[in-house]
Structures are given as structure tokens and as C-alpha cells.
Amino acid sequence: MNIFTKTSRVIGVALLTSVAFTGITWAQECKNPEVIRFSMIPTEETTQELALYQPLVNQIKEVTGKNVEFFLPTSYASVVEAMLGGFVDLGMHGPYSYVIAQEKDPELRVIATYAKHKGQFQEEGPGYKAVLVARADSGFTSVDDLKGTVIGLTDPASTSGNLLPRVSFTKVIGAELEDYFSRVVYTGGHDLSGVAVIEGQVDAAFVATHRLDNVLERGIASMDDYVVLWSSPVIPQDPFVVNGRLCQEIIDQIQGAFLALADNEEGRKYLKNVNASKFVAMSDADYDIIRDLKAAKDAKKK
């Protein structure tokens, strides 16, 4: 069976089935599935080359002795719903989408994240920033210049592409995004935001530093094509999350697979392809900074 199922409909159908049996599953002492289902938010890597993740899948299969099925969803929300419904056992979330999911199901547990190599915009380590970028030849030199222009966000559940702009950046401009800009649009992804700036579809956009580096690596633009007008504080990288109802032995094995990935040639090739040096262990508390941002955003709504 092909581990790569490039359709969200598979998740949707299975999710409906799993929800009906959620009570039964949760009543068990621990979950010991024959197949580990793995999914992750849409990123530049997942949309470009699914086979990129084969070394990681192979490592998990080897240490657990179980088959692994990889599902590519269409949005951040589909990964959240698939995990909440019990269909997906292991998922990569955005920091914000993880906090949203974990509030609904406290059994979700962070096990690891990437330690990224230094890139052109990305800093070394397990953190990243949101940057507000415009075309270098746009004439924009400050945030004030952007008032009344079209701004790009990524996804409503994105940390750097929605949460930080609506919490941290609004403090800079002293207004809500919709009041400051003439139009606020969601592009659907960080790479799409970076491209939208270059193609003039938006005047500026909020993009994660490591995702903007991906755009440069594809040859779509160079660092000199962008001007950075604002940068956020450092926030933790995308968390890899397990269903805490899995048997502890399986959770430990999955986490061990991530942490040992740099120990073999296939794993190092995978890490190189995602511009990371290794995986590092992470805990729920590492994402408290995101909870604080979410709380501030929720308070603004009230």
C-alpha cells in the first residue's frame, strides 16, 4: 500500500467514522494501533515533494514495528480535526494550531521540533520569526508607508501568518489590520505569500522566516528582492504532536525516531532537505508563549 495518500477526502471520511467511536477508543487503557497515521500542515516541503518525508516515515516504521500511513491535508484545520477525531496519531502542527487543538484535547502532546540551520532569513535553532516583507523596489521603507495598502496573511490558524500580525503587529500600528490596510487577504500558505509579494498580488505580507527561505531556494526570488519592514520576537518551530492516548511505549519509540534521525545517512539527507540539523525534544510548556498570544487575541475580540 502506498503510504502517501494525497487527498483530504480520505481524512474526512475516516474522521466521521472515528468520531462515532471516540468514546469507545478513549475508554481503552491505551491505544495500540496496527497502523500509525501521520499528517502535517501544508508547507512548502509537503506540497513540493511528498517523498521527501520517506526517511522519517521509514525511521518510525523501524522503531515501532508498525506501518505508517502519511496523509496530506488541505489546511491547518484539517490536521487539527483529524487528530481531535482520533484518525491521525501523529501530526505536525503550526504552533498556534497546536495550541488551538490542545485546548480542545489536553491529551495531545508535543514530542519534538526541528532545529533549523541558519538561512538567509532564518536564524539557527528551534525558533523562527514572522517578518513583514514588501518588494525591495516598491518604495516602501517603513510600516507607515503601508497604510491603506493590500496586506497578505497565510491561514487563520497560522502563528506567524495570522496570530502574530493580529496581536504583536497591531500594537505597532495601534489599530486592527482591517482598519489600517485597505484589504487583508489570506493566500493559503507562506510560500504563496512570498510569491504574492513578488508578483504584486499584495503590497506586503507576513511570512515565517524559514518558509521565506524556501521561496528563495526555489529560485522564485532572491533575498535582495525583499525589504523587511517588521520582525516578530522568536517563537518555537512547528511542533510534532502525538495523541497522548497511544501507549507510552509507542510514544517513546516515535519520539526516539525523531531524535535519532540525524544518526543515519538517510535521516541526515532528509534533515538537509528541510534545512535542519536535527530534531530536538520539546514539551507543552515550550508553547506557552503562543498561549499568551492567543489569550491576548481572544481578549481583543471580547
Protein backbone atom coordinates (compact mmCIF):
# COMPACT_ATOMS: atom_id res chain seq x y z
CA MET A 1 0.00 0.00 0.00
CA ASN A 2 1.29 3.45 -0.89
CA ILE A 3 1.89 5.38 2.33
CA PHE A 4 1.25 8.67 0.60
CA THR A 5 -2.46 9.38 0.15
CA LYS A 6 -2.73 12.82 -1.39
CA THR A 7 -6.36 13.55 -0.64
CA SER A 8 -8.16 15.26 2.16
CA ARG A 9 -11.29 13.24 1.43
CA VAL A 10 -9.67 10.20 2.98
CA ILE A 11 -9.23 12.11 6.21
CA GLY A 12 -12.75 13.48 6.05
CA VAL A 13 -14.46 10.11 5.58
CA ALA A 14 -12.34 8.34 8.17
CA LEU A 15 -12.78 11.23 10.58
CA LEU A 16 -16.55 10.87 10.52
CA THR A 17 -16.19 7.18 11.29
CA SER A 18 -13.68 7.72 14.05
CA VAL A 19 -15.78 10.37 15.78
CA ALA A 20 -18.60 7.88 16.17
CA PHE A 21 -16.30 5.60 18.12
CA THR A 22 -14.36 8.25 20.01
CA GLY A 23 -15.94 7.36 23.33
CA ILE A 24 -15.05 3.70 22.89
CA THR A 25 -11.45 4.46 21.90
CA TRP A 26 -10.88 6.86 24.78
CA ALA A 27 -12.28 4.37 27.25
CA GLN A 28 -9.44 1.95 26.48
CA GLU A 29 -6.41 1.88 28.73
CA CYS A 30 -4.14 2.97 25.87
CA LYS A 31 -4.21 2.92 22.10
CA ASN A 32 -2.02 0.41 20.28
CA PRO A 33 -2.89 0.78 16.57
CA GLU A 34 -1.66 -1.54 13.86
CA VAL A 35 -1.08 1.47 11.61
CA ILE A 36 0.24 4.88 12.72
CA ARG A 37 -1.43 7.65 10.73
CA PHE A 38 0.76 10.69 10.19
CA SER A 39 -0.24 14.08 8.81
CA MET A 40 1.12 17.62 8.74
CA ILE A 41 0.03 21.11 7.90
CA PRO A 42 0.55 22.13 4.27
CA THR A 43 4.02 23.61 3.85
CA GLU A 44 6.39 24.35 1.00
CA GLU A 45 8.01 20.93 1.51
CA THR A 46 4.83 18.86 1.66
CA THR A 47 3.32 20.46 -1.41
CA GLN A 48 6.52 20.14 -3.42
CA GLU A 49 7.62 16.59 -2.71
CA LEU A 50 5.79 14.07 -0.55
CA ALA A 51 8.59 11.52 -0.92
CA LEU A 52 10.81 13.93 0.99
CA TYR A 53 9.33 12.53 4.21
CA GLN A 54 10.02 8.88 3.36
CA PRO A 55 13.17 8.67 5.57
CA LEU A 56 11.22 9.94 8.58
CA VAL A 57 8.39 7.52 7.87
CA ASN A 58 10.89 4.66 7.50
CA GLN A 59 12.51 5.52 10.84
CA ILE A 60 9.16 5.48 12.63
CA LYS A 61 8.26 2.17 10.99
CA GLU A 62 11.57 0.65 12.04
CA VAL A 63 11.45 1.62 15.71
CA THR A 64 7.75 0.87 16.23
CA GLY A 65 7.43 -2.19 14.00
CA LYS A 66 4.21 -0.69 12.63
CA ASN A 67 3.09 0.50 9.23
CA VAL A 68 2.86 4.26 8.80
CA GLU A 69 0.36 5.99 6.53
CA PHE A 70 1.02 9.60 5.55
CA PHE A 71 -1.89 11.88 4.69
CA LEU A 72 -1.58 15.32 3.14
CA PRO A 73 -4.43 17.64 4.16
CA THR A 74 -5.59 20.87 2.59
CA SER A 75 -5.37 23.19 5.60
CA TYR A 76 -4.16 23.61 9.16
CA ALA A 77 -7.70 22.93 10.38
CA SER A 78 -7.87 19.53 8.69
CA VAL A 79 -4.87 18.29 10.69
CA VAL A 80 -6.43 19.58 13.92
CA GLU A 81 -9.78 17.93 13.23
CA ALA A 82 -8.16 14.67 12.16
CA MET A 83 -6.23 14.49 15.45
CA LEU A 84 -9.20 15.53 17.55
CA GLY A 85 -11.28 12.83 15.90
CA GLY A 86 -8.65 10.19 16.62
CA PHE A 87 -7.99 9.41 12.96
CA VAL A 88 -4.44 10.78 12.98
CA ASP A 89 -2.00 9.59 15.66
CA LEU A 90 0.96 11.84 14.81
CA GLY A 91 0.83 15.28 13.29
CA MET A 92 2.93 18.33 12.58
CA HIS A 93 1.02 21.47 13.53
CA GLY A 94 1.76 25.15 13.46
CA PRO A 95 2.42 26.47 16.99
CA TYR A 96 -0.93 28.32 17.01
CA SER A 97 -2.94 25.45 15.53
CA TYR A 98 -1.38 23.13 18.13
CA VAL A 99 -2.49 25.40 20.98
CA ILE A 100 -5.99 25.53 19.50
CA ALA A 101 -6.09 21.74 19.24
CA GLN A 102 -4.59 21.12 22.68
CA GLU A 103 -7.21 23.34 24.32
CA LYS A 104 -9.87 21.04 22.86
CA ASP A 105 -8.00 17.85 23.67
CA PRO A 106 -5.44 18.08 26.53
CA GLU A 107 -4.24 14.56 25.66
CA LEU A 108 -2.31 15.91 22.66
CA ARG A 109 1.41 16.02 23.44
CA VAL A 110 4.38 17.74 21.80
CA ILE A 111 7.36 15.45 21.33
CA ALA A 112 9.81 17.29 19.04
CA THR A 113 10.55 20.06 16.59
CA TYR A 114 13.24 20.98 14.09
CA ALA A 115 16.47 22.74 14.92
CA LYS A 116 16.85 24.72 11.71
CA HIS A 117 20.09 25.68 10.00
CA LYS A 118 20.78 29.37 9.59
CA GLY A 119 19.34 30.56 6.29
CA GLN A 120 19.07 33.91 4.57
CA PHE A 121 16.14 34.98 6.74
CA GLN A 122 16.04 32.08 9.22
CA GLU A 123 18.17 32.04 12.37
CA GLU A 124 19.91 28.91 13.72
CA GLY A 125 17.94 26.75 16.17
CA PRO A 126 14.40 25.58 17.05
CA GLY A 127 12.81 29.00 16.67
CA TYR A 128 11.74 31.37 13.90
CA LYS A 129 10.21 34.79 13.34
CA ALA A 130 7.38 36.36 11.41
CA VAL A 131 8.62 39.03 9.02
CA LEU A 132 6.59 41.61 7.14
CA VAL A 133 8.09 41.88 3.68
CA ALA A 134 7.47 44.01 0.61
CA ARG A 135 9.21 44.18 -2.74
CA ALA A 136 12.54 45.95 -2.46
CA ASP A 137 11.65 48.17 -5.42
CA SER A 138 8.19 49.05 -4.05
CA GLY A 139 9.33 52.28 -2.44
CA PHE A 140 8.04 51.14 0.96
CA THR A 141 10.62 51.86 3.65
CA SER A 142 8.54 51.74 6.84
CA VAL A 143 5.34 50.36 8.28
CA ASP A 144 3.80 53.82 7.97
CA ASP A 145 4.21 53.62 4.20
CA LEU A 146 1.94 50.57 4.12
CA LYS A 147 -1.16 52.29 5.47
CA GLY A 148 -4.04 51.82 3.02
CA THR A 149 -2.30 49.06 1.03
CA VAL A 150 -3.19 45.38 0.47
CA ILE A 151 -1.66 43.02 3.04
CA GLY A 152 -1.26 39.24 2.83
CA LEU A 153 -1.81 36.71 5.65
CA THR A 154 -1.44 32.93 5.25
CA ASP A 155 -4.03 30.86 7.13
CA PRO A 156 -6.36 31.74 10.05
CA ALA A 157 -4.63 29.10 12.20
CA SER A 158 -1.09 30.23 11.32
CA THR A 159 1.12 31.63 14.07
CA SER A 160 3.40 33.87 12.02
CA GLY A 161 0.90 34.37 9.22
CA ASN A 162 -2.08 35.45 11.34
CA LEU A 163 -1.71 35.31 15.14
CA LEU A 164 1.42 37.45 15.47
CA PRO A 165 0.21 40.03 12.93
CA ARG A 166 -3.10 40.37 14.80
CA VAL A 167 -1.55 40.57 18.27
CA SER A 168 2.04 41.82 18.18
CA PHE A 169 1.93 43.87 14.98
CA THR A 170 -1.33 45.63 15.78
CA LYS A 171 0.40 47.10 18.85
CA VAL A 172 2.91 48.69 16.49
CA ILE A 173 0.29 50.31 14.26
CA GLY A 174 -2.24 50.98 17.04
CA ALA A 175 -5.12 49.59 15.01
CA GLU A 176 -6.69 46.37 13.75
CA LEU A 177 -5.36 45.11 10.44
CA GLU A 178 -8.66 45.67 8.66
CA ASP A 179 -8.70 49.29 9.84
CA TYR A 180 -5.10 50.03 8.84
CA PHE A 181 -4.91 48.32 5.46
CA SER A 182 -7.29 48.73 2.53
CA ARG A 183 -7.67 44.96 2.23
CA VAL A 184 -6.48 41.89 4.14
CA VAL A 185 -6.28 38.64 2.15
CA TYR A 186 -5.36 35.04 3.03
CA THR A 187 -3.02 33.50 0.48
CA GLY A 188 -3.22 29.91 1.75
CA GLY A 189 0.46 29.42 2.55
CA HIS A 190 3.74 31.11 3.43
CA ASP A 191 5.31 30.31 0.08
CA LEU A 192 2.23 31.71 -1.65
CA SER A 193 2.54 34.90 0.42
CA GLY A 194 6.17 35.28 -0.60
CA VAL A 195 5.26 34.78 -4.25
CA ALA A 196 2.26 37.12 -4.00
CA VAL A 197 4.58 39.93 -2.90
CA ILE A 198 6.95 39.36 -5.81
CA GLU A 199 4.09 39.16 -8.34
CA GLY A 200 2.39 42.28 -6.98
CA GLN A 201 -0.78 40.49 -5.88
CA VAL A 202 -0.30 42.04 -2.43
CA ASP A 203 1.75 45.04 -1.39
CA ALA A 204 3.30 43.25 1.58
CA ALA A 205 2.84 40.00 3.51
CA PHE A 206 3.67 38.32 6.80
CA VAL A 207 5.84 35.24 6.23
CA ALA A 208 7.72 32.83 8.51
CA THR A 209 11.49 33.24 8.10
CA HIS A 210 12.18 29.58 7.30
CA ARG A 211 9.31 29.46 4.79
CA LEU A 212 10.58 32.59 3.06
CA ASP A 213 13.94 30.87 2.70
CA ASN A 214 12.11 28.07 0.87
CA VAL A 215 10.90 30.57 -1.72
CA LEU A 216 14.47 31.72 -2.28
CA GLU A 217 15.70 28.14 -2.63
CA ARG A 218 13.17 27.53 -5.40
CA GLY A 219 14.72 30.38 -7.35
CA ILE A 220 11.50 32.40 -7.43
CA ALA A 221 13.16 35.36 -5.77
CA SER A 222 16.38 36.41 -4.09
CA MET A 223 16.93 38.00 -0.71
CA ASP A 224 17.60 41.30 -2.48
CA ASP A 225 14.06 41.24 -3.92
CA TYR A 226 12.55 41.79 -0.46
CA VAL A 227 12.66 44.52 2.13
CA VAL A 228 11.81 43.59 5.75
CA LEU A 229 9.62 46.23 7.40
CA TRP A 230 8.86 44.45 10.67
CA SER A 231 10.05 41.37 12.55
CA SER A 232 8.45 39.50 15.45
CA PRO A 233 10.08 38.01 18.54
CA VAL A 234 11.44 34.45 18.21
CA ILE A 235 8.78 31.74 18.57
CA PRO A 236 9.17 27.93 18.69
CA GLN A 237 9.20 25.92 15.47
CA ASP A 238 6.28 23.78 14.29
CA PRO A 239 5.60 21.05 16.87
CA PHE A 240 5.32 17.37 16.08
CA VAL A 241 2.44 16.12 18.21
CA VAL A 242 1.18 12.68 19.25
CA ASN A 243 -2.14 11.51 20.56
CA GLY A 244 -1.40 11.03 24.25
CA ARG A 245 -3.78 8.06 24.35
CA LEU A 246 -1.21 5.99 22.49
CA CYS A 247 0.56 3.51 24.73
CA GLN A 248 3.55 5.19 26.36
CA GLU A 249 5.97 2.71 24.81
CA ILE A 250 4.80 3.75 21.33
CA ILE A 251 5.08 7.46 22.18
CA ASP A 252 8.62 6.94 23.43
CA GLN A 253 9.51 4.99 20.30
CA ILE A 254 8.12 7.69 17.99
CA GLN A 255 9.95 10.44 19.86
CA GLY A 256 13.14 8.38 19.76
CA ALA A 257 12.77 8.00 16.00
CA PHE A 258 12.73 11.79 15.60
CA LEU A 259 15.64 12.42 17.95
CA ALA A 260 17.83 9.74 16.34
CA LEU A 261 17.14 10.76 12.74
CA ALA A 262 20.50 12.51 12.37
CA ASP A 263 22.30 9.27 13.27
CA ASN A 264 21.89 7.66 9.84
CA GLU A 265 22.65 8.74 6.28
CA GLU A 266 19.04 8.61 5.07
CA GLY A 267 17.91 10.70 8.04
CA ARG A 268 20.65 13.28 7.52
CA LYS A 269 19.61 13.62 3.87
CA TYR A 270 16.05 14.29 4.97
CA LEU A 271 17.18 16.88 7.51
CA LYS A 272 19.32 18.59 4.89
CA ASN A 273 16.32 18.80 2.57
CA VAL A 274 14.29 20.62 5.25
CA ASN A 275 17.27 22.82 6.25
CA ALA A 276 17.53 21.33 9.73
CA SER A 277 20.47 19.92 11.67
CA LYS A 278 18.43 17.65 13.92
CA PHE A 279 15.21 17.25 15.88
CA VAL A 280 15.11 18.40 19.49
CA ALA A 281 12.74 17.29 22.25
CA MET A 282 10.01 19.80 23.09
CA SER A 283 7.32 19.96 25.76
CA ASP A 284 3.92 21.55 26.05
CA ALA A 285 5.35 24.36 28.20
CA ASP A 286 7.60 25.48 25.34
CA TYR A 287 4.47 26.76 23.60
CA ASP A 288 3.19 28.88 26.50
CA ILE A 289 4.35 31.95 24.59
CA ILE A 290 1.80 31.05 21.91
CA ARG A 291 -0.90 30.60 24.54
CA ASP A 292 -0.15 34.09 25.81
CA LEU A 293 -0.52 35.47 22.29
CA LYS A 294 -3.76 33.57 21.77
CA ALA A 295 -5.12 34.84 25.09
CA ALA A 296 -4.33 38.40 24.03
CA LYS A 297 -6.05 37.85 20.67
CA ASP A 298 -9.14 36.33 22.36
CA ALA A 299 -9.27 39.22 24.83
CA LYS A 300 -9.29 41.72 21.95
CA LYS A 301 -12.35 40.00 20.50
CA LYS A 302 -14.23 40.48 23.77
